[in-house]
Amino acid sequence: MVNGRGAFQFHSRRAKLSRKLRSIAIYLALLVTFFLFTLIYISRKGLEGDGQQGTASDEIRSERVPEHEDVLHSEVHMKDQQLWGTPFSFGLHPCVKPTSKYKAAQETDRYLTVRSNGGLNQMRTGISDMVAVARIMNATLIIPQLDRRSFWKDSSSFADIFDEAHFIKSLEGDVRVMKELPVGLESIPHARRHFGSWSSMGYYEEMSHLFKDYQVIHAPKSDSRLANNDLPLDIQRLRCRALYHALRFSPPIESLGKVLSRA
């Protein structure tokens, strides 16, 4: 009797467990089916939306092209002044004009020769510094020699890269500039000086005493770094004029640049 009652309880528990497992399986199947239908529905809606959007955009594009063809053509072929004009300056303006206390350059028999060093941008900055140094020392600046000793071995001269005539003309009120030393001064002894970086006005005024013994001072490097050493305002403005106005690329390079910008 006990065995019969135990067997009955075992079969009853087994039946309940089977019903629970069957219910769980049905629930999971319904849940998976629901997610599949939801995913298919969303995918179809997305494809229909993309198709309608693409059709609408194509229609707008096809209507817009004939109507605005001339406008688009003119935008592509913008004028030079529109393309390369000065952008919005946010109230800032160039500070290159000399002050009312600035005096014109004077005739002098002192000469400063310079051999620039470094890459093109470093040489540009160094040359503008040497323009300022020549002004401080009241010397005539001879057109600087460009760096030919670095590993790239570029043999270009100043006139190959920069507009030499423009450089001389634009600085005539600031510093006297000559293409080369006067005849006879090449063979006389020169003072050779590496000007110290970040030096003050007093330093260059002291260096100018060398002109009592020498008519020519040669600077074998141009990296004097005059940007942040409390030089007078007019000297800093002269550096800016030399760098951004006087040092203009030579006509062949300017012409090539215009051709490339229009390509």
C-alpha atoms as a PDB file:
ATOM      1  CA  MET A   1       0.000   0.000   0.000  1.00  0.00           C
ATOM      2  CA  VAL A   2       2.806   2.298   0.813  1.00  0.00           C
ATOM      3  CA  ASN A   3       4.455   1.422  -2.473  1.00  0.00           C
ATOM      4  CA  GLY A   4       1.297   2.185  -4.380  1.00  0.00           C
ATOM      5  CA  ARG A   5       0.906   5.554  -2.679  1.00  0.00           C
ATOM      6  CA  GLY A   6       4.565   6.483  -3.410  1.00  0.00           C
ATOM      7  CA  ALA A   7       4.260   5.528  -7.043  1.00  0.00           C
ATOM      8  CA  PHE A   8       1.160   7.682  -7.364  1.00  0.00           C
ATOM      9  CA  GLN A   9       2.921  10.722  -5.849  1.00  0.00           C
ATOM     10  CA  PHE A  10       5.909  10.222  -8.157  1.00  0.00           C
ATOM     11  CA  HIS A  11       3.739  10.112 -11.270  1.00  0.00           C
ATOM     12  CA  SER A  12       1.789  13.169 -10.044  1.00  0.00           C
ATOM     13  CA  ARG A  13       4.954  15.233  -9.547  1.00  0.00           C
ATOM     14  CA  ARG A  14       6.292  14.139 -12.906  1.00  0.00           C
ATOM     15  CA  ALA A  15       3.078  15.215 -14.607  1.00  0.00           C
ATOM     16  CA  LYS A  16       3.175  18.652 -12.923  1.00  0.00           C
ATOM     17  CA  LEU A  17       6.820  19.140 -13.963  1.00  0.00           C
ATOM     18  CA  SER A  18       6.006  18.182 -17.538  1.00  0.00           C
ATOM     19  CA  ARG A  19       3.145  20.699 -17.629  1.00  0.00           C
ATOM     20  CA  LYS A  20       5.424  23.462 -16.270  1.00  0.00           C
ATOM     21  CA  LEU A  21       8.154  22.708 -18.812  1.00  0.00           C
ATOM     22  CA  ARG A  22       5.569  22.657 -21.606  1.00  0.00           C
ATOM     23  CA  SER A  23       4.216  26.034 -20.474  1.00  0.00           C
ATOM     24  CA  ILE A  24       7.694  27.549 -20.340  1.00  0.00           C
ATOM     25  CA  ALA A  25       8.515  26.237 -23.826  1.00  0.00           C
ATOM     26  CA  ILE A  26       5.282  27.662 -25.251  1.00  0.00           C
ATOM     27  CA  TYR A  27       5.959  31.032 -23.563  1.00  0.00           C
ATOM     28  CA  LEU A  28       9.496  31.196 -24.962  1.00  0.00           C
ATOM     29  CA  ALA A  29       8.273  30.253 -28.432  1.00  0.00           C
ATOM     30  CA  LEU A  30       5.664  33.018 -28.346  1.00  0.00           C
ATOM     31  CA  LEU A  31       8.244  35.525 -27.100  1.00  0.00           C
ATOM     32  CA  VAL A  32      10.713  34.651 -29.879  1.00  0.00           C
ATOM     33  CA  THR A  33       7.941  34.825 -32.482  1.00  0.00           C
ATOM     34  CA  PHE A  34       6.900  38.274 -31.220  1.00  0.00           C
ATOM     35  CA  PHE A  35      10.449  39.623 -31.468  1.00  0.00           C
ATOM     36  CA  LEU A  36      10.880  38.196 -34.964  1.00  0.00           C
ATOM     37  CA  PHE A  37       7.666  39.810 -36.210  1.00  0.00           C
ATOM     38  CA  THR A  38       8.655  43.122 -34.593  1.00  0.00           C
ATOM     39  CA  LEU A  39      12.100  43.042 -36.208  1.00  0.00           C
ATOM     40  CA  ILE A  40      10.662  42.257 -39.664  1.00  0.00           C
ATOM     41  CA  TYR A  41       8.089  45.053 -39.331  1.00  0.00           C
ATOM     42  CA  ILE A  42      10.690  47.657 -38.354  1.00  0.00           C
ATOM     43  CA  SER A  43      13.032  46.588 -41.176  1.00  0.00           C
ATOM     44  CA  ARG A  44      10.273  46.927 -43.787  1.00  0.00           C
ATOM     45  CA  LYS A  45       9.315  50.383 -42.532  1.00  0.00           C
ATOM     46  CA  GLY A  46      12.928  51.520 -42.674  1.00  0.00           C
ATOM     47  CA  LEU A  47      13.378  50.305 -46.235  1.00  0.00           C
ATOM     48  CA  GLU A  48      10.156  51.978 -47.353  1.00  0.00           C
ATOM     49  CA  GLY A  49      11.207  55.248 -45.681  1.00  0.00           C
ATOM     50  CA  ASP A  50      14.631  55.192 -47.331  1.00  0.00           C
ATOM     51  CA  GLY A  51      13.090  54.525 -50.704  1.00  0.00           C
ATOM     52  CA  GLN A  52      10.627  57.380 -50.357  1.00  0.00           C
ATOM     53  CA  GLN A  53      13.327  59.744 -49.081  1.00  0.00           C
ATOM     54  CA  GLY A  54      15.667  58.848 -51.924  1.00  0.00           C
ATOM     55  CA  THR A  55      12.893  59.366 -54.464  1.00  0.00           C
ATOM     56  CA  ALA A  56      11.984  62.725 -52.983  1.00  0.00           C
ATOM     57  CA  SER A  57      15.591  63.898 -52.878  1.00  0.00           C
ATOM     58  CA  ASP A  58      16.113  62.759 -56.474  1.00  0.00           C
ATOM     59  CA  GLU A  59      13.052  64.726 -57.554  1.00  0.00           C
ATOM     60  CA  ILE A  60      14.237  67.835 -55.729  1.00  0.00           C
ATOM     61  CA  ARG A  61      17.701  67.436 -57.231  1.00  0.00           C
ATOM     62  CA  SER A  62      16.338  67.025 -60.745  1.00  0.00           C
ATOM     63  CA  GLU A  63      14.203  70.139 -60.331  1.00  0.00           C
ATOM     64  CA  ARG A  64      16.995  72.170 -58.735  1.00  0.00           C
ATOM     65  CA  VAL A  65      19.794  71.561 -61.252  1.00  0.00           C
ATOM     66  CA  PRO A  66      18.206  73.242 -64.281  1.00  0.00           C
ATOM     67  CA  GLU A  67      16.924  76.146 -62.225  1.00  0.00           C
ATOM     68  CA  HIS A  68      20.187  76.990 -60.469  1.00  0.00           C
ATOM     69  CA  GLU A  69      22.760  75.826 -63.015  1.00  0.00           C
ATOM     70  CA  ASP A  70      24.079  79.343 -63.623  1.00  0.00           C
ATOM     71  CA  VAL A  71      24.396  80.066 -59.906  1.00  0.00           C
ATOM     72  CA  LEU A  72      26.313  76.850 -59.240  1.00  0.00           C
ATOM     73  CA  HIS A  73      28.582  77.528 -62.197  1.00  0.00           C
ATOM     74  CA  SER A  74      29.423  80.988 -60.888  1.00  0.00           C
ATOM     75  CA  GLU A  75      30.111  79.649 -57.402  1.00  0.00           C
ATOM     76  CA  VAL A  76      32.615  77.132 -58.760  1.00  0.00           C
ATOM     77  CA  HIS A  77      34.413  79.862 -60.694  1.00  0.00           C
ATOM     78  CA  MET A  78      34.754  82.358 -57.866  1.00  0.00           C
ATOM     79  CA  LYS A  79      36.879  85.425 -58.364  1.00  0.00           C
ATOM     80  CA  ASP A  80      40.331  85.547 -56.822  1.00  0.00           C
ATOM     81  CA  GLN A  81      39.418  88.309 -54.402  1.00  0.00           C
ATOM     82  CA  GLN A  82      36.414  86.336 -53.155  1.00  0.00           C
ATOM     83  CA  LEU A  83      38.344  83.116 -52.719  1.00  0.00           C
ATOM     84  CA  TRP A  84      41.529  84.553 -51.248  1.00  0.00           C
ATOM     85  CA  GLY A  85      40.095  87.626 -49.540  1.00  0.00           C
ATOM     86  CA  THR A  86      40.777  88.409 -45.900  1.00  0.00           C
ATOM     87  CA  PRO A  87      38.447  86.421 -43.606  1.00  0.00           C
ATOM     88  CA  PHE A  88      36.468  87.973 -40.784  1.00  0.00           C
ATOM     89  CA  SER A  89      39.002  89.489 -38.389  1.00  0.00           C
ATOM     90  CA  PHE A  90      36.914  89.582 -35.174  1.00  0.00           C
ATOM     91  CA  GLY A  91      37.913  93.218 -34.671  1.00  0.00           C
ATOM     92  CA  LEU A  92      41.666  92.582 -34.996  1.00  0.00           C
ATOM     93  CA  HIS A  93      43.756  94.607 -37.436  1.00  0.00           C
ATOM     94  CA  PRO A  94      47.389  94.587 -38.648  1.00  0.00           C
ATOM     95  CA  CYS A  95      49.869  96.657 -36.633  1.00  0.00           C
ATOM     96  CA  VAL A  96      52.526  97.289 -39.271  1.00  0.00           C
ATOM     97  CA  LYS A  97      52.341 101.025 -39.851  1.00  0.00           C
ATOM     98  CA  PRO A  98      55.097 103.017 -38.102  1.00  0.00           C
ATOM     99  CA  THR A  99      54.246 105.461 -35.334  1.00  0.00           C
ATOM    100  CA  SER A 100      54.492 109.237 -35.712  1.00  0.00           C
ATOM    101  CA  LYS A 101      57.940 109.180 -34.034  1.00  0.00           C
ATOM    102  CA  TYR A 102      59.427 106.873 -36.662  1.00  0.00           C
ATOM    103  CA  LYS A 103      62.145 108.432 -38.830  1.00  0.00           C
ATOM    104  CA  ALA A 104      63.149 107.505 -42.364  1.00  0.00           C
ATOM    105  CA  ALA A 105      66.342 105.571 -43.034  1.00  0.00           C
ATOM    106  CA  GLN A 106      69.553 107.568 -43.371  1.00  0.00           C
ATOM    107  CA  GLU A 107      72.449 107.196 -45.792  1.00  0.00           C
ATOM    108  CA  THR A 108      75.279 105.241 -44.215  1.00  0.00           C
ATOM    109  CA  ASP A 109      78.603 103.685 -45.173  1.00  0.00           C
ATOM    110  CA  ARG A 110      78.102 100.751 -42.803  1.00  0.00           C
ATOM    111  CA  TYR A 111      77.148  97.390 -44.302  1.00  0.00           C
ATOM    112  CA  LEU A 112      75.607  94.244 -42.848  1.00  0.00           C
ATOM    113  CA  THR A 113      75.876  90.952 -44.747  1.00  0.00           C
ATOM    114  CA  VAL A 114      73.860  87.908 -43.685  1.00  0.00           C
ATOM    115  CA  ARG A 115      73.886  84.187 -44.411  1.00  0.00           C
ATOM    116  CA  SER A 116      70.455  82.778 -43.569  1.00  0.00           C
ATOM    117  CA  ASN A 117      70.074  79.345 -42.017  1.00  0.00           C
ATOM    118  CA  GLY A 118      67.329  76.760 -41.641  1.00  0.00           C
ATOM    119  CA  GLY A 119      64.268  75.930 -43.704  1.00  0.00           C
ATOM    120  CA  LEU A 120      62.312  78.414 -45.777  1.00  0.00           C
ATOM    121  CA  ASN A 121      60.043  79.625 -42.975  1.00  0.00           C
ATOM    122  CA  GLN A 122      62.965  79.915 -40.541  1.00  0.00           C
ATOM    123  CA  MET A 123      64.926  81.906 -43.126  1.00  0.00           C
ATOM    124  CA  ARG A 124      61.965  84.250 -43.696  1.00  0.00           C
ATOM    125  CA  THR A 125      61.748  84.956 -39.976  1.00  0.00           C
ATOM    126  CA  GLY A 126      65.524  85.365 -39.724  1.00  0.00           C
ATOM    127  CA  ILE A 127      65.654  87.792 -42.648  1.00  0.00           C
ATOM    128  CA  SER A 128      62.935  89.949 -41.083  1.00  0.00           C
ATOM    129  CA  ASP A 129      65.001  89.970 -37.876  1.00  0.00           C
ATOM    130  CA  MET A 130      68.091  91.075 -39.811  1.00  0.00           C
ATOM    131  CA  VAL A 131      66.113  93.937 -41.342  1.00  0.00           C
ATOM    132  CA  ALA A 132      65.367  95.100 -37.802  1.00  0.00           C
ATOM    133  CA  VAL A 133      69.008  94.629 -36.746  1.00  0.00           C
ATOM    134  CA  ALA A 134      70.212  96.716 -39.700  1.00  0.00           C
ATOM    135  CA  ARG A 135      67.779  99.447 -38.648  1.00  0.00           C
ATOM    136  CA  ILE A 136      69.005  99.389 -35.035  1.00  0.00           C
ATOM    137  CA  MET A 137      72.671  99.448 -36.089  1.00  0.00           C
ATOM    138  CA  ASN A 138      72.053 102.083 -38.792  1.00  0.00           C
ATOM    139  CA  ALA A 139      73.594  99.833 -41.451  1.00  0.00           C
ATOM    140  CA  THR A 140      72.878  99.095 -45.097  1.00  0.00           C
ATOM    141  CA  LEU A 141      71.578  95.544 -45.471  1.00  0.00           C
ATOM    142  CA  ILE A 142      72.987  93.491 -48.327  1.00  0.00           C
ATOM    143  CA  ILE A 143      70.484  91.019 -49.833  1.00  0.00           C
ATOM    144  CA  PRO A 144      70.855  87.928 -47.593  1.00  0.00           C
ATOM    145  CA  GLN A 145      72.266  84.649 -48.870  1.00  0.00           C
ATOM    146  CA  LEU A 146      69.961  81.661 -48.450  1.00  0.00           C
ATOM    147  CA  ASP A 147      70.988  78.429 -46.746  1.00  0.00           C
ATOM    148  CA  ARG A 148      72.879  76.149 -49.145  1.00  0.00           C
ATOM    149  CA  ARG A 149      74.719  74.068 -46.564  1.00  0.00           C
ATOM    150  CA  SER A 150      71.857  72.057 -45.042  1.00  0.00           C
ATOM    151  CA  PHE A 151      71.244  68.445 -46.040  1.00  0.00           C
ATOM    152  CA  TRP A 152      68.729  69.335 -48.794  1.00  0.00           C
ATOM    153  CA  LYS A 153      71.495  71.222 -50.688  1.00  0.00           C
ATOM    154  CA  ASP A 154      69.151  73.769 -52.279  1.00  0.00           C
ATOM    155  CA  SER A 155      71.115  76.084 -54.561  1.00  0.00           C
ATOM    156  CA  SER A 156      68.339  78.711 -54.865  1.00  0.00           C
ATOM    157  CA  SER A 157      69.318  82.339 -54.455  1.00  0.00           C
ATOM    158  CA  PHE A 158      67.271  85.084 -52.806  1.00  0.00           C
ATOM    159  CA  ALA A 159      66.028  86.269 -56.217  1.00  0.00           C
ATOM    160  CA  ASP A 160      64.921  82.718 -57.119  1.00  0.00           C
ATOM    161  CA  ILE A 161      62.540  82.558 -54.153  1.00  0.00           C
ATOM    162  CA  PHE A 162      61.625  86.166 -53.352  1.00  0.00           C
ATOM    163  CA  ASP A 163      60.821  89.274 -55.362  1.00  0.00           C
ATOM    164  CA  GLU A 164      64.136  91.067 -54.892  1.00  0.00           C
ATOM    165  CA  ALA A 165      63.097  94.403 -56.426  1.00  0.00           C
ATOM    166  CA  HIS A 166      59.938  94.497 -54.298  1.00  0.00           C
ATOM    167  CA  PHE A 167      61.946  93.711 -51.158  1.00  0.00           C
ATOM    168  CA  ILE A 168      64.320  96.639 -51.770  1.00  0.00           C
ATOM    169  CA  LYS A 169      61.559  99.059 -52.772  1.00  0.00           C
ATOM    170  CA  SER A 170      59.166  98.269 -49.923  1.00  0.00           C
ATOM    171  CA  LEU A 171      61.864  98.828 -47.260  1.00  0.00           C
ATOM    172  CA  GLU A 172      63.396 102.012 -48.680  1.00  0.00           C
ATOM    173  CA  GLY A 173      61.841 104.134 -45.917  1.00  0.00           C
ATOM    174  CA  ASP A 174      63.077 101.757 -43.199  1.00  0.00           C
ATOM    175  CA  VAL A 175      66.443 100.316 -44.177  1.00  0.00           C
ATOM    176  CA  ARG A 176      68.706 100.849 -47.142  1.00  0.00           C
ATOM    177  CA  VAL A 177      68.992  97.532 -48.995  1.00  0.00           C
ATOM    178  CA  MET A 178      71.509  96.734 -51.748  1.00  0.00           C
ATOM    179  CA  LYS A 179      71.951  93.659 -53.923  1.00  0.00           C
ATOM    180  CA  GLU A 180      75.671  93.399 -53.196  1.00  0.00           C
ATOM    181  CA  LEU A 181      78.551  95.205 -51.520  1.00  0.00           C
ATOM    182  CA  PRO A 182      80.056  98.180 -53.331  1.00  0.00           C
ATOM    183  CA  VAL A 183      83.137  97.476 -55.415  1.00  0.00           C
ATOM    184  CA  GLY A 184      86.241  97.222 -53.254  1.00  0.00           C
ATOM    185  CA  LEU A 185      84.519  96.238 -50.002  1.00  0.00           C
ATOM    186  CA  GLU A 186      84.529  92.497 -50.748  1.00  0.00           C
ATOM    187  CA  SER A 187      88.284  92.267 -50.256  1.00  0.00           C
ATOM    188  CA  ILE A 188      88.628  94.318 -47.065  1.00  0.00           C
ATOM    189  CA  PRO A 189      88.542  92.655 -43.603  1.00  0.00           C
ATOM    190  CA  HIS A 190      85.041  92.038 -42.217  1.00  0.00           C
ATOM    191  CA  ALA A 191      83.905  91.635 -38.621  1.00  0.00           C
ATOM    192  CA  ARG A 192      82.211  88.238 -38.190  1.00  0.00           C
ATOM    193  CA  ARG A 193      79.635  88.064 -35.389  1.00  0.00           C
ATOM    194  CA  HIS A 194      77.025  85.532 -34.270  1.00  0.00           C
ATOM    195  CA  PHE A 195      74.381  87.807 -32.787  1.00  0.00           C
ATOM    196  CA  GLY A 196      73.016  86.438 -29.537  1.00  0.00           C
ATOM    197  CA  SER A 197      69.409  85.262 -29.507  1.00  0.00           C
ATOM    198  CA  TRP A 198      66.755  87.293 -27.650  1.00  0.00           C
ATOM    199  CA  SER A 199      69.149  90.229 -27.271  1.00  0.00           C
ATOM    200  CA  SER A 200      68.044  93.739 -26.324  1.00  0.00           C
ATOM    201  CA  MET A 201      68.480  97.110 -28.017  1.00  0.00           C
ATOM    202  CA  GLY A 202      71.543  97.771 -25.846  1.00  0.00           C
ATOM    203  CA  TYR A 203      73.239  94.629 -27.174  1.00  0.00           C
ATOM    204  CA  TYR A 204      72.902  95.692 -30.827  1.00  0.00           C
ATOM    205  CA  GLU A 205      73.873  99.273 -30.046  1.00  0.00           C
ATOM    206  CA  GLU A 206      77.029  97.887 -28.450  1.00  0.00           C
ATOM    207  CA  MET A 207      77.667  95.670 -31.495  1.00  0.00           C
ATOM    208  CA  SER A 208      77.407  98.744 -33.708  1.00  0.00           C
ATOM    209  CA  HIS A 209      80.665 100.001 -32.151  1.00  0.00           C
ATOM    210  CA  LEU A 210      82.406  97.436 -34.369  1.00  0.00           C
ATOM    211  CA  PHE A 211      81.762  99.779 -37.273  1.00  0.00           C
ATOM    212  CA  LYS A 212      84.467 102.046 -35.846  1.00  0.00           C
ATOM    213  CA  ASP A 213      87.033  99.438 -36.895  1.00  0.00           C
ATOM    214  CA  TYR A 214      85.212  97.624 -39.699  1.00  0.00           C
ATOM    215  CA  GLN A 215      83.032  98.866 -42.516  1.00  0.00           C
ATOM    216  CA  VAL A 216      81.335  95.488 -42.980  1.00  0.00           C
ATOM    217  CA  ILE A 217      79.881  93.145 -40.351  1.00  0.00           C
ATOM    218  CA  HIS A 218      78.987  89.620 -41.449  1.00  0.00           C
ATOM    219  CA  ALA A 219      76.353  87.565 -39.595  1.00  0.00           C
ATOM    220  CA  PRO A 220      76.828  83.855 -40.464  1.00  0.00           C
ATOM    221  CA  LYS A 221      73.389  83.026 -39.015  1.00  0.00           C
ATOM    222  CA  SER A 222      70.084  84.879 -39.054  1.00  0.00           C
ATOM    223  CA  ASP A 223      68.272  83.276 -36.100  1.00  0.00           C
ATOM    224  CA  SER A 224      68.395  86.241 -33.703  1.00  0.00           C
ATOM    225  CA  ARG A 225      64.842  85.696 -32.385  1.00  0.00           C
ATOM    226  CA  LEU A 226      63.709  89.270 -31.830  1.00  0.00           C
ATOM    227  CA  ALA A 227      60.045  88.460 -31.222  1.00  0.00           C
ATOM    228  CA  ASN A 228      59.881  88.570 -27.414  1.00  0.00           C
ATOM    229  CA  ASN A 229      62.669  90.700 -25.994  1.00  0.00           C
ATOM    230  CA  ASP A 230      61.079  94.095 -25.274  1.00  0.00           C
ATOM    231  CA  LEU A 231      62.259  95.882 -28.412  1.00  0.00           C
ATOM    232  CA  PRO A 232      60.573  99.212 -29.239  1.00  0.00           C
ATOM    233  CA  LEU A 233      57.183  99.069 -30.928  1.00  0.00           C
ATOM    234  CA  ASP A 234      58.471 100.517 -34.195  1.00  0.00           C
ATOM    235  CA  ILE A 235      61.155  97.826 -34.434  1.00  0.00           C
ATOM    236  CA  GLN A 236      58.598  95.053 -33.943  1.00  0.00           C
ATOM    237  CA  ARG A 237      56.341  96.647 -36.550  1.00  0.00           C
ATOM    238  CA  LEU A 238      59.289  96.807 -38.929  1.00  0.00           C
ATOM    239  CA  ARG A 239      59.782  93.067 -38.459  1.00  0.00           C
ATOM    240  CA  CYS A 240      56.141  92.531 -39.415  1.00  0.00           C
ATOM    241  CA  ARG A 241      56.435  94.750 -42.491  1.00  0.00           C
ATOM    242  CA  ALA A 242      59.511  92.862 -43.625  1.00  0.00           C
ATOM    243  CA  LEU A 243      57.968  89.442 -43.011  1.00  0.00           C
ATOM    244  CA  TYR A 244      54.462  89.982 -44.386  1.00  0.00           C
ATOM    245  CA  HIS A 245      54.898  92.801 -46.926  1.00  0.00           C
ATOM    246  CA  ALA A 246      58.484  92.931 -48.167  1.00  0.00           C
ATOM    247  CA  LEU A 247      59.181  89.189 -48.447  1.00  0.00           C
ATOM    248  CA  ARG A 248      56.951  88.374 -51.385  1.00  0.00           C
ATOM    249  CA  PHE A 249      57.518  85.323 -53.581  1.00  0.00           C
ATOM    250  CA  SER A 250      59.188  85.854 -56.948  1.00  0.00           C
ATOM    251  CA  PRO A 251      56.907  86.380 -60.001  1.00  0.00           C
ATOM    252  CA  PRO A 252      57.417  82.816 -61.380  1.00  0.00           C
ATOM    253  CA  ILE A 253      56.394  81.287 -58.043  1.00  0.00           C
ATOM    254  CA  GLU A 254      53.422  83.673 -57.747  1.00  0.00           C
ATOM    255  CA  SER A 255      52.280  82.708 -61.263  1.00  0.00           C
ATOM    256  CA  LEU A 256      52.617  78.995 -60.539  1.00  0.00           C
ATOM    257  CA  GLY A 257      50.637  79.402 -57.316  1.00  0.00           C
ATOM    258  CA  LYS A 258      47.767  81.084 -59.176  1.00  0.00           C
ATOM    259  CA  VAL A 259      47.693  78.309 -61.763  1.00  0.00           C
ATOM    260  CA  LEU A 260      47.594  75.624 -59.057  1.00  0.00           C
ATOM    261  CA  SER A 261      44.841  77.422 -57.126  1.00  0.00           C
ATOM    262  CA  ARG A 262      42.648  77.512 -60.232  1.00  0.00           C
ATOM    263  CA  ALA A 263      43.196  73.874 -61.153  1.00  0.00           C
END
